Amino acid sequence: MLELLVMMTGRLVICIATLGHCKCDGLLSDNHRIHSAAGALWYSHAGRCVVTQTGQSLAGFLFYVALVLALVLVAQSVG
């Protein structure tokens, strides 16, 4: 369940950060196995950047790390 939350957060972060220029692989999609190298975070297909499930998870994880760091810095500046 946590992995799904992180992946969906990553999907949202990617959509916002790239202003919709990159699309994300679906949860049950196997396209990344066909069009990208093993372990790829993204690949190019038909002229568009496509972010794999691994890339979405990484983006979501980094978002939560940045959120925690921001909260810690705010807490330190208040206290």
PDB file of N, CA and C in Angstrom:
ATOM      1  N   MET A   1       0.818  -1.184   0.000  1.00  0.00           N
ATOM      2  CA  MET A   1       0.000   0.000   0.000  1.00  0.00           C
ATOM      3  C   MET A   1       0.867   1.256   0.000  1.00  0.00           C
ATOM      4  N   LEU A   2       1.949   1.231   0.782  1.00  0.00           N
ATOM      5  CA  LEU A   2       2.854   2.371   0.840  1.00  0.00           C
ATOM      6  C   LEU A   2       3.527   2.602  -0.513  1.00  0.00           C
ATOM      7  N   GLU A   3       3.896   1.509  -1.181  1.00  0.00           N
ATOM      8  CA  GLU A   3       4.533   1.622  -2.488  1.00  0.00           C
ATOM      9  C   GLU A   3       3.588   2.269  -3.506  1.00  0.00           C
ATOM     10  N   LEU A   4       2.322   1.929  -3.433  1.00  0.00           N
ATOM     11  CA  LEU A   4       1.331   2.525  -4.326  1.00  0.00           C
ATOM     12  C   LEU A   4       1.201   4.024  -4.064  1.00  0.00           C
ATOM     13  N   LEU A   5       1.193   4.422  -2.799  1.00  0.00           N
ATOM     14  CA  LEU A   5       1.120   5.839  -2.444  1.00  0.00           C
ATOM     15  C   LEU A   5       2.333   6.596  -2.965  1.00  0.00           C
ATOM     16  N   VAL A   6       3.513   6.023  -2.793  1.00  0.00           N
ATOM     17  CA  VAL A   6       4.742   6.663  -3.255  1.00  0.00           C
ATOM     18  C   VAL A   6       4.736   6.777  -4.777  1.00  0.00           C
ATOM     19  N   MET A   7       4.293   5.723  -5.472  1.00  0.00           N
ATOM     20  CA  MET A   7       4.271   5.733  -6.928  1.00  0.00           C
ATOM     21  C   MET A   7       3.268   6.758  -7.466  1.00  0.00           C
ATOM     22  N   MET A   8       2.108   6.842  -6.853  1.00  0.00           N
ATOM     23  CA  MET A   8       1.105   7.801  -7.318  1.00  0.00           C
ATOM     24  C   MET A   8       1.548   9.237  -7.023  1.00  0.00           C
ATOM     25  N   THR A   9       2.231   9.444  -5.905  1.00  0.00           N
ATOM     26  CA  THR A   9       2.796  10.764  -5.615  1.00  0.00           C
ATOM     27  C   THR A   9       3.853  11.113  -6.653  1.00  0.00           C
ATOM     28  N   GLY A  10       4.685  10.149  -6.994  1.00  0.00           N
ATOM     29  CA  GLY A  10       5.702  10.363  -8.028  1.00  0.00           C
ATOM     30  C   GLY A  10       5.082  10.701  -9.363  1.00  0.00           C
ATOM     31  N   ARG A  11       4.006  10.038  -9.696  1.00  0.00           N
ATOM     32  CA  ARG A  11       3.299  10.302 -10.948  1.00  0.00           C
ATOM     33  C   ARG A  11       2.799  11.753 -10.975  1.00  0.00           C
ATOM     34  N   LEU A  12       2.246  12.208  -9.859  1.00  0.00           N
ATOM     35  CA  LEU A  12       1.751  13.576  -9.765  1.00  0.00           C
ATOM     36  C   LEU A  12       2.894  14.586  -9.837  1.00  0.00           C
ATOM     37  N   VAL A  13       3.993  14.297  -9.133  1.00  0.00           N
ATOM     38  CA  VAL A  13       5.154  15.180  -9.145  1.00  0.00           C
ATOM     39  C   VAL A  13       5.715  15.303 -10.563  1.00  0.00           C
ATOM     40  N   ILE A  14       5.811  14.198 -11.276  1.00  0.00           N
ATOM     41  CA  ILE A  14       6.336  14.206 -12.641  1.00  0.00           C
ATOM     42  C   ILE A  14       5.428  15.013 -13.558  1.00  0.00           C
ATOM     43  N   CYS A  15       4.135  14.820 -13.412  1.00  0.00           N
ATOM     44  CA  CYS A  15       3.177  15.555 -14.236  1.00  0.00           C
ATOM     45  C   CYS A  15       3.302  17.054 -14.012  1.00  0.00           C
ATOM     46  N   ILE A  16       3.429  17.470 -12.767  1.00  0.00           N
ATOM     47  CA  ILE A  16       3.530  18.894 -12.444  1.00  0.00           C
ATOM     48  C   ILE A  16       4.897  19.452 -12.861  1.00  0.00           C
ATOM     49  N   ALA A  17       5.958  18.720 -12.572  1.00  0.00           N
ATOM     50  CA  ALA A  17       7.314  19.212 -12.849  1.00  0.00           C
ATOM     51  C   ALA A  17       7.587  19.344 -14.347  1.00  0.00           C
ATOM     52  N   THR A  18       7.025  18.457 -15.160  1.00  0.00           N
ATOM     53  CA  THR A  18       7.291  18.500 -16.598  1.00  0.00           C
ATOM     54  C   THR A  18       6.174  19.203 -17.363  1.00  0.00           C
ATOM     55  N   LEU A  19       5.196  19.718 -16.632  1.00  0.00           N
ATOM     56  CA  LEU A  19       4.054  20.404 -17.247  1.00  0.00           C
ATOM     57  C   LEU A  19       3.343  19.536 -18.292  1.00  0.00           C
ATOM     58  N   GLY A  20       3.305  18.237 -18.028  1.00  0.00           N
ATOM     59  CA  GLY A  20       2.591  17.309 -18.884  1.00  0.00           C
ATOM     60  C   GLY A  20       3.348  16.838 -20.111  1.00  0.00           C
ATOM     61  N   HIS A  21       4.629  17.208 -20.244  1.00  0.00           N
ATOM     62  CA  HIS A  21       5.397  16.788 -21.418  1.00  0.00           C
ATOM     63  C   HIS A  21       5.810  15.321 -21.338  1.00  0.00           C
ATOM     64  N   CYS A  22       6.005  14.812 -20.137  1.00  0.00           N
ATOM     65  CA  CYS A  22       6.339  13.399 -19.956  1.00  0.00           C
ATOM     66  C   CYS A  22       5.090  12.653 -19.524  1.00  0.00           C
ATOM     67  N   LYS A  23       4.943  11.438 -20.012  1.00  0.00           N
ATOM     68  CA  LYS A  23       3.830  10.626 -19.537  1.00  0.00           C
ATOM     69  C   LYS A  23       4.381   9.482 -18.706  1.00  0.00           C
ATOM     70  N   CYS A  24       3.523   8.879 -17.917  1.00  0.00           N
ATOM     71  CA  CYS A  24       3.949   7.813 -17.007  1.00  0.00           C
ATOM     72  C   CYS A  24       3.353   6.489 -17.449  1.00  0.00           C
ATOM     73  N   ASP A  25       4.141   5.428 -17.291  1.00  0.00           N
ATOM     74  CA  ASP A  25       3.642   4.080 -17.555  1.00  0.00           C
ATOM     75  C   ASP A  25       2.522   3.754 -16.582  1.00  0.00           C
ATOM     76  N   GLY A  26       1.562   2.980 -17.035  1.00  0.00           N
ATOM     77  CA  GLY A  26       0.495   2.532 -16.164  1.00  0.00           C
ATOM     78  C   GLY A  26       0.993   1.505 -15.163  1.00  0.00           C
ATOM     79  N   LEU A  27       0.181   1.249 -14.154  1.00  0.00           N
ATOM     80  CA  LEU A  27       0.589   0.312 -13.108  1.00  0.00           C
ATOM     81  C   LEU A  27       0.755  -1.109 -13.633  1.00  0.00           C
ATOM     82  N   LEU A  28      -0.071  -1.518 -14.562  1.00  0.00           N
ATOM     83  CA  LEU A  28      -0.004  -2.880 -15.088  1.00  0.00           C
ATOM     84  C   LEU A  28       0.612  -2.945 -16.480  1.00  0.00           C
ATOM     85  N   SER A  29       1.258  -1.876 -16.900  1.00  0.00           N
ATOM     86  CA  SER A  29       1.838  -1.799 -18.238  1.00  0.00           C
ATOM     87  C   SER A  29       3.158  -2.562 -18.302  1.00  0.00           C
ATOM     88  N   ASP A  30       3.373  -3.232 -19.423  1.00  0.00           N
ATOM     89  CA  ASP A  30       4.640  -3.925 -19.669  1.00  0.00           C
ATOM     90  C   ASP A  30       5.447  -3.247 -20.767  1.00  0.00           C
ATOM     91  N   ASN A  31       5.070  -2.029 -21.159  1.00  0.00           N
ATOM     92  CA  ASN A  31       5.762  -1.328 -22.238  1.00  0.00           C
ATOM     93  C   ASN A  31       7.214  -1.062 -21.915  1.00  0.00           C
ATOM     94  N   HIS A  32       7.535  -0.829 -20.644  1.00  0.00           N
ATOM     95  CA  HIS A  32       8.923  -0.551 -20.281  1.00  0.00           C
ATOM     96  C   HIS A  32       9.826  -1.745 -20.561  1.00  0.00           C
ATOM     97  N   ARG A  33       9.287  -2.922 -20.544  1.00  0.00           N
ATOM     98  CA  ARG A  33      10.092  -4.112 -20.832  1.00  0.00           C
ATOM     99  C   ARG A  33      10.435  -4.207 -22.314  1.00  0.00           C
ATOM    100  N   ILE A  34       9.602  -3.620 -23.143  1.00  0.00           N
ATOM    101  CA  ILE A  34       9.803  -3.675 -24.587  1.00  0.00           C
ATOM    102  C   ILE A  34      10.685  -2.531 -25.065  1.00  0.00           C
ATOM    103  N   HIS A  35      10.428  -1.325 -24.583  1.00  0.00           N
ATOM    104  CA  HIS A  35      11.042  -0.125 -25.148  1.00  0.00           C
ATOM    105  C   HIS A  35      12.249   0.401 -24.399  1.00  0.00           C
ATOM    106  N   SER A  36      12.564  -0.105 -23.220  1.00  0.00           N
ATOM    107  CA  SER A  36      13.675   0.466 -22.450  1.00  0.00           C
ATOM    108  C   SER A  36      14.650  -0.615 -22.013  1.00  0.00           C
ATOM    109  N   ALA A  37      15.801  -0.146 -21.584  1.00  0.00           N
ATOM    110  CA  ALA A  37      16.802  -1.064 -21.044  1.00  0.00           C
ATOM    111  C   ALA A  37      16.389  -1.488 -19.636  1.00  0.00           C
ATOM    112  N   ALA A  38      16.991  -2.559 -19.154  1.00  0.00           N
ATOM    113  CA  ALA A  38      16.665  -3.055 -17.819  1.00  0.00           C
ATOM    114  C   ALA A  38      17.040  -2.017 -16.766  1.00  0.00           C
ATOM    115  N   GLY A  39      16.126  -1.749 -15.869  1.00  0.00           N
ATOM    116  CA  GLY A  39      16.380  -0.818 -14.786  1.00  0.00           C
ATOM    117  C   GLY A  39      16.280   0.643 -15.172  1.00  0.00           C
ATOM    118  N   ALA A  40      15.759   0.930 -16.340  1.00  0.00           N
ATOM    119  CA  ALA A  40      15.659   2.316 -16.793  1.00  0.00           C
ATOM    120  C   ALA A  40      14.617   3.080 -15.977  1.00  0.00           C
ATOM    121  N   LEU A  41      14.867   4.360 -15.758  1.00  0.00           N
ATOM    122  CA  LEU A  41      13.919   5.208 -15.050  1.00  0.00           C
ATOM    123  C   LEU A  41      12.966   5.878 -16.023  1.00  0.00           C
ATOM    124  N   TRP A  42      13.431   6.101 -17.244  1.00  0.00           N
ATOM    125  CA  TRP A  42      12.578   6.656 -18.287  1.00  0.00           C
ATOM    126  C   TRP A  42      13.124   6.220 -19.643  1.00  0.00           C
ATOM    127  N   TYR A  43      12.308   6.371 -20.670  1.00  0.00           N
ATOM    128  CA  TYR A  43      12.727   6.085 -22.028  1.00  0.00           C
ATOM    129  C   TYR A  43      11.933   6.970 -22.972  1.00  0.00           C
ATOM    130  N   SER A  44      12.388   7.025 -24.204  1.00  0.00           N
ATOM    131  CA  SER A  44      11.725   7.836 -25.211  1.00  0.00           C
ATOM    132  C   SER A  44      10.972   6.905 -26.155  1.00  0.00           C
ATOM    133  N   HIS A  45       9.716   7.199 -26.392  1.00  0.00           N
ATOM    134  CA  HIS A  45       8.907   6.386 -27.304  1.00  0.00           C
ATOM    135  C   HIS A  45       8.003   7.322 -28.096  1.00  0.00           C
ATOM    136  N   ALA A  46       8.078   7.233 -29.396  1.00  0.00           N
ATOM    137  CA  ALA A  46       7.287   8.058 -30.306  1.00  0.00           C
ATOM    138  C   ALA A  46       7.496   9.543 -30.013  1.00  0.00           C
ATOM    139  N   GLY A  47       8.731   9.915 -29.675  1.00  0.00           N
ATOM    140  CA  GLY A  47       9.063  11.304 -29.453  1.00  0.00           C
ATOM    141  C   GLY A  47       8.674  11.867 -28.098  1.00  0.00           C
ATOM    142  N   ARG A  48       8.147  11.034 -27.219  1.00  0.00           N
ATOM    143  CA  ARG A  48       7.757  11.497 -25.878  1.00  0.00           C
ATOM    144  C   ARG A  48       8.576  10.782 -24.818  1.00  0.00           C
ATOM    145  N   CYS A  49       8.832  11.486 -23.747  1.00  0.00           N
ATOM    146  CA  CYS A  49       9.504  10.894 -22.597  1.00  0.00           C
ATOM    147  C   CYS A  49       8.459  10.099 -21.808  1.00  0.00           C
ATOM    148  N   VAL A  50       8.777   8.853 -21.511  1.00  0.00           N
ATOM    149  CA  VAL A  50       7.877   8.001 -20.735  1.00  0.00           C
ATOM    150  C   VAL A  50       8.619   7.562 -19.487  1.00  0.00           C
ATOM    151  N   VAL A  51       8.049   7.838 -18.329  1.00  0.00           N
ATOM    152  CA  VAL A  51       8.677   7.497 -17.052  1.00  0.00           C
ATOM    153  C   VAL A  51       8.161   6.123 -16.619  1.00  0.00           C
ATOM    154  N   THR A  52       9.095   5.239 -16.278  1.00  0.00           N
ATOM    155  CA  THR A  52       8.730   3.881 -15.868  1.00  0.00           C
ATOM    156  C   THR A  52       8.206   3.880 -14.428  1.00  0.00           C
ATOM    157  N   GLN A  53       7.735   2.738 -14.000  1.00  0.00           N
ATOM    158  CA  GLN A  53       7.230   2.598 -12.630  1.00  0.00           C
ATOM    159  C   GLN A  53       8.348   2.841 -11.618  1.00  0.00           C
ATOM    160  N   THR A  54       9.553   2.422 -11.943  1.00  0.00           N
ATOM    161  CA  THR A  54      10.694   2.648 -11.062  1.00  0.00           C
ATOM    162  C   THR A  54      10.992   4.140 -10.954  1.00  0.00           C
ATOM    163  N   GLY A  55      10.927   4.848 -12.063  1.00  0.00           N
ATOM    164  CA  GLY A  55      11.142   6.289 -12.057  1.00  0.00           C
ATOM    165  C   GLY A  55      10.072   7.020 -11.264  1.00  0.00           C
ATOM    166  N   GLN A  56       8.832   6.561 -11.370  1.00  0.00           N
ATOM    167  CA  GLN A  56       7.744   7.165 -10.602  1.00  0.00           C
ATOM    168  C   GLN A  56       7.956   6.962  -9.103  1.00  0.00           C
ATOM    169  N   SER A  57       8.361   5.760  -8.731  1.00  0.00           N
ATOM    170  CA  SER A  57       8.619   5.470  -7.318  1.00  0.00           C
ATOM    171  C   SER A  57       9.764   6.319  -6.784  1.00  0.00           C
ATOM    172  N   LEU A  58      10.819   6.470  -7.576  1.00  0.00           N
ATOM    173  CA  LEU A  58      11.960   7.283  -7.157  1.00  0.00           C
ATOM    174  C   LEU A  58      11.544   8.746  -6.987  1.00  0.00           C
ATOM    175  N   ALA A  59      10.766   9.269  -7.919  1.00  0.00           N
ATOM    176  CA  ALA A  59      10.304  10.659  -7.821  1.00  0.00           C
ATOM    177  C   ALA A  59       9.434  10.851  -6.576  1.00  0.00           C
ATOM    178  N   GLY A  60       8.559   9.902  -6.290  1.00  0.00           N
ATOM    179  CA  GLY A  60       7.716   9.988  -5.101  1.00  0.00           C
ATOM    180  C   GLY A  60       8.527   9.916  -3.826  1.00  0.00           C
ATOM    181  N   PHE A  61       9.511   9.025  -3.792  1.00  0.00           N
ATOM    182  CA  PHE A  61      10.370   8.890  -2.617  1.00  0.00           C
ATOM    183  C   PHE A  61      11.155  10.174  -2.375  1.00  0.00           C
ATOM    184  N   LEU A  62      11.718  10.741  -3.439  1.00  0.00           N
ATOM    185  CA  LEU A  62      12.472  11.985  -3.295  1.00  0.00           C
ATOM    186  C   LEU A  62      11.575  13.136  -2.862  1.00  0.00           C
ATOM    187  N   PHE A  63      10.325  13.145  -3.302  1.00  0.00           N
ATOM    188  CA  PHE A  63       9.388  14.172  -2.859  1.00  0.00           C
ATOM    189  C   PHE A  63       9.173  14.083  -1.354  1.00  0.00           C
ATOM    190  N   TYR A  64       8.965  12.873  -0.842  1.00  0.00           N
ATOM    191  CA  TYR A  64       8.738  12.726   0.598  1.00  0.00           C
ATOM    192  C   TYR A  64       9.993  13.038   1.404  1.00  0.00           C
ATOM    193  N   VAL A  65      11.162  12.727   0.887  1.00  0.00           N
ATOM    194  CA  VAL A  65      12.415  13.090   1.565  1.00  0.00           C
ATOM    195  C   VAL A  65      12.535  14.609   1.631  1.00  0.00           C
ATOM    196  N   ALA A  66      12.249  15.294   0.530  1.00  0.00           N
ATOM    197  CA  ALA A  66      12.311  16.757   0.513  1.00  0.00           C
ATOM    198  C   ALA A  66      11.269  17.356   1.458  1.00  0.00           C
ATOM    199  N   LEU A  67      10.096  16.745   1.528  1.00  0.00           N
ATOM    200  CA  LEU A  67       9.043  17.230   2.422  1.00  0.00           C
ATOM    201  C   LEU A  67       9.477  17.111   3.884  1.00  0.00           C
ATOM    202  N   VAL A  68      10.056  15.981   4.245  1.00  0.00           N
ATOM    203  CA  VAL A  68      10.523  15.781   5.625  1.00  0.00           C
ATOM    204  C   VAL A  68      11.635  16.771   5.957  1.00  0.00           C
ATOM    205  N   LEU A  69      12.579  16.965   5.035  1.00  0.00           N
ATOM    206  CA  LEU A  69      13.656  17.919   5.274  1.00  0.00           C
ATOM    207  C   LEU A  69      13.116  19.342   5.441  1.00  0.00           C
ATOM    208  N   ALA A  70      12.136  19.710   4.631  1.00  0.00           N
ATOM    209  CA  ALA A  70      11.534  21.041   4.754  1.00  0.00           C
ATOM    210  C   ALA A  70      10.830  21.197   6.089  1.00  0.00           C
ATOM    211  N   LEU A  71      10.124  20.176   6.527  1.00  0.00           N
ATOM    212  CA  LEU A  71       9.443  20.233   7.810  1.00  0.00           C
ATOM    213  C   LEU A  71      10.424  20.326   8.973  1.00  0.00           C
ATOM    214  N   VAL A  72      11.531  19.631   8.885  1.00  0.00           N
ATOM    215  CA  VAL A  72      12.558  19.699   9.924  1.00  0.00           C
ATOM    216  C   VAL A  72      13.168  21.101   9.979  1.00  0.00           C
ATOM    217  N   LEU A  73      13.437  21.685   8.809  1.00  0.00           N
ATOM    218  CA  LEU A  73      13.998  23.035   8.787  1.00  0.00           C
ATOM    219  C   LEU A  73      13.014  24.066   9.342  1.00  0.00           C
ATOM    220  N   VAL A  74      11.747  23.906   9.040  1.00  0.00           N
ATOM    221  CA  VAL A  74      10.730  24.827   9.573  1.00  0.00           C
ATOM    222  C   VAL A  74      10.629  24.655  11.079  1.00  0.00           C
ATOM    223  N   ALA A  75      10.651  23.423  11.550  1.00  0.00           N
ATOM    224  CA  ALA A  75      10.559  23.170  12.992  1.00  0.00           C
ATOM    225  C   ALA A  75      11.757  23.756  13.733  1.00  0.00           C
ATOM    226  N   GLN A  76      12.929  23.682  13.128  1.00  0.00           N
ATOM    227  CA  GLN A  76      14.129  24.239  13.761  1.00  0.00           C
ATOM    228  C   GLN A  76      14.086  25.755  13.795  1.00  0.00           C
ATOM    229  N   SER A  77      13.541  26.364  12.760  1.00  0.00           N
ATOM    230  CA  SER A  77      13.504  27.829  12.722  1.00  0.00           C
ATOM    231  C   SER A  77      12.447  28.386  13.670  1.00  0.00           C
ATOM    232  N   VAL A  78      11.377  27.623  13.912  1.00  0.00           N
ATOM    233  CA  VAL A  78      10.325  28.057  14.839  1.00  0.00           C
ATOM    234  C   VAL A  78      10.777  27.886  16.288  1.00  0.00           C
ATOM    235  N   GLY A  79      11.429  26.739  16.542  1.00  0.00           N
ATOM    236  CA  GLY A  79      11.813  26.419  17.922  1.00  0.00           C
ATOM    237  C   GLY A  79      13.112  26.955  18.230  1.00  0.00           C
TER     238      GLY A  79
END
